[in-house]
Amino acid sequence: MNMKSFFAYIVLAAIIWAVVCVVRPYWDRYNIATELEGIAIYGTQHEVDTIKKKLEEKINENDWPFTLTDVIINKNQDRDVKISITYSDEIKIFGLSVKSLEMTIEKEARYIKPMV
């Protein structure tokens, strides 16, 4: 291996590492954030047990990398809902794990009284 190809491999590795570091804050390949927002809005009109059932259906339907025990659901007396999930995920390139990520997604929805 000559010096030119060795340098090319180092540059390629640096580019891949930079992409991984830049992509991390935006990594949501399961579209979990959008689904959680919908469930949080749904939860403003329903009880916590109903929210958990709805979330469990979504987890099973979408094959997400976490279980209902990884989810924290808070609902206050004003009927505002906050859902928080922390789970592990990986960035893979050609089947090889490049980086393991600890992801946290939080979504909130405020209850708005209907105008009559």
Protein backbone atom coordinates (compact mmCIF):
# COMPACT_ATOMS: atom_id res chain seq x y z
CA MET A 1 0.00 0.00 0.00
CA ASN A 2 1.52 3.28 -1.03
CA MET A 3 1.25 6.56 0.84
CA LYS A 4 -1.34 8.01 -1.54
CA SER A 5 -3.91 5.24 -0.97
CA PHE A 6 -3.22 5.26 2.78
CA PHE A 7 -3.99 8.99 2.87
CA ALA A 8 -7.17 8.37 0.84
CA TYR A 9 -8.39 5.83 3.43
CA ILE A 10 -7.74 8.28 6.25
CA VAL A 11 -9.67 11.02 4.44
CA LEU A 12 -12.55 8.59 3.75
CA ALA A 13 -12.68 7.56 7.43
CA ALA A 14 -12.70 11.21 8.50
CA ILE A 15 -15.59 11.96 6.11
CA ILE A 16 -17.62 9.01 7.41
CA TRP A 17 -16.97 10.05 11.02
CA ALA A 18 -18.03 13.65 10.25
CA VAL A 19 -21.25 12.46 8.60
CA VAL A 20 -22.06 10.29 11.62
CA CYS A 21 -21.51 13.22 13.99
CA VAL A 22 -23.63 15.57 11.88
CA VAL A 23 -26.48 13.09 11.35
CA ARG A 24 -26.89 12.11 14.99
CA PRO A 25 -29.21 14.95 16.11
CA TYR A 26 -31.52 14.28 13.15
CA TRP A 27 -31.55 10.49 13.32
CA ASP A 28 -35.16 9.28 13.44
CA ARG A 29 -35.35 6.50 10.90
CA TYR A 30 -38.48 5.03 12.47
CA ASN A 31 -40.44 8.31 12.25
CA ILE A 32 -41.10 7.98 15.97
CA ALA A 33 -41.28 11.72 16.68
CA THR A 34 -44.22 12.27 14.35
CA GLU A 35 -46.10 9.29 15.73
CA LEU A 36 -45.48 10.38 19.33
CA GLU A 37 -46.78 13.83 18.61
CA GLY A 38 -50.04 12.35 17.33
CA ILE A 39 -50.34 10.10 20.37
CA ALA A 40 -49.67 13.05 22.72
CA ILE A 41 -52.45 15.06 21.04
CA TYR A 42 -54.74 12.02 21.27
CA GLY A 43 -53.81 11.73 24.95
CA THR A 44 -55.15 15.18 25.84
CA GLN A 45 -58.64 13.78 25.30
CA HIS A 46 -58.06 10.34 26.89
CA GLU A 47 -56.80 8.71 30.07
CA VAL A 48 -53.20 7.50 30.61
CA ASP A 49 -54.17 3.82 30.30
CA THR A 50 -55.76 4.51 26.91
CA ILE A 51 -52.63 6.38 25.82
CA LYS A 52 -50.49 3.38 26.83
CA LYS A 53 -52.71 1.00 24.84
CA LYS A 54 -52.51 3.24 21.77
CA LEU A 55 -48.73 3.51 22.12
CA GLU A 56 -48.35 -0.25 22.55
CA GLU A 57 -50.32 -0.78 19.33
CA LYS A 58 -47.95 1.60 17.50
CA ILE A 59 -44.87 -0.13 18.94
CA ASN A 60 -46.08 -3.54 17.76
CA GLU A 61 -47.31 -2.22 14.41
CA ASN A 62 -44.07 -0.39 13.52
CA ASP A 63 -41.54 -2.78 15.12
CA TRP A 64 -39.81 0.01 17.04
CA PRO A 65 -36.60 -0.77 18.98
CA PHE A 66 -38.11 -0.26 22.46
CA THR A 67 -40.93 -1.50 24.65
CA LEU A 68 -43.67 0.22 26.60
CA THR A 69 -41.51 0.03 29.75
CA ASP A 70 -39.03 2.45 28.09
CA VAL A 71 -41.77 5.09 27.73
CA ILE A 72 -42.57 7.76 30.30
CA ILE A 73 -46.03 9.33 30.04
CA ASN A 74 -46.93 12.35 32.18
CA LYS A 75 -50.38 13.91 32.21
CA ASN A 76 -51.19 16.80 34.53
CA GLN A 77 -54.51 18.09 35.87
CA ASP A 78 -54.77 20.54 32.95
CA ARG A 79 -54.80 17.48 30.63
CA ASP A 80 -51.43 18.37 29.08
CA VAL A 81 -49.46 15.30 27.98
CA LYS A 82 -45.70 14.73 27.80
CA ILE A 83 -44.28 11.52 26.33
CA SER A 84 -40.58 10.70 26.62
CA ILE A 85 -38.69 7.71 25.18
CA THR A 86 -35.00 6.80 25.44
CA TYR A 87 -33.68 3.92 23.35
CA SER A 88 -30.51 2.68 21.66
CA ASP A 89 -30.01 2.60 17.90
CA GLU A 90 -27.13 2.04 15.50
CA ILE A 91 -25.86 3.55 12.31
CA LYS A 92 -24.94 0.74 9.94
CA ILE A 93 -23.08 0.94 6.66
CA PHE A 94 -23.05 -2.20 4.50
CA GLY A 95 -24.25 -4.22 7.48
CA LEU A 96 -21.43 -3.07 9.75
CA SER A 97 -22.26 -1.07 12.84
CA VAL A 98 -20.51 2.29 12.58
CA LYS A 99 -21.82 3.96 15.71
CA SER A 100 -24.23 3.16 18.50
CA LEU A 101 -26.56 6.00 19.50
CA GLU A 102 -28.57 6.72 22.62
CA MET A 103 -31.71 8.48 21.39
CA THR A 104 -34.20 10.48 23.46
CA ILE A 105 -37.42 11.77 21.95
CA GLU A 106 -39.81 13.98 23.89
CA LYS A 107 -43.15 15.28 22.68
CA GLU A 108 -45.69 17.45 24.43
CA ALA A 109 -49.28 18.40 23.69
CA ARG A 110 -51.36 20.98 25.51
CA TYR A 111 -55.08 20.59 26.00
CA ILE A 112 -57.05 23.33 24.28
CA LYS A 113 -60.61 23.83 25.44
CA PRO A 114 -63.06 23.70 22.54
CA MET A 115 -64.79 26.97 21.80
CA VAL A 116 -68.54 26.69 21.89
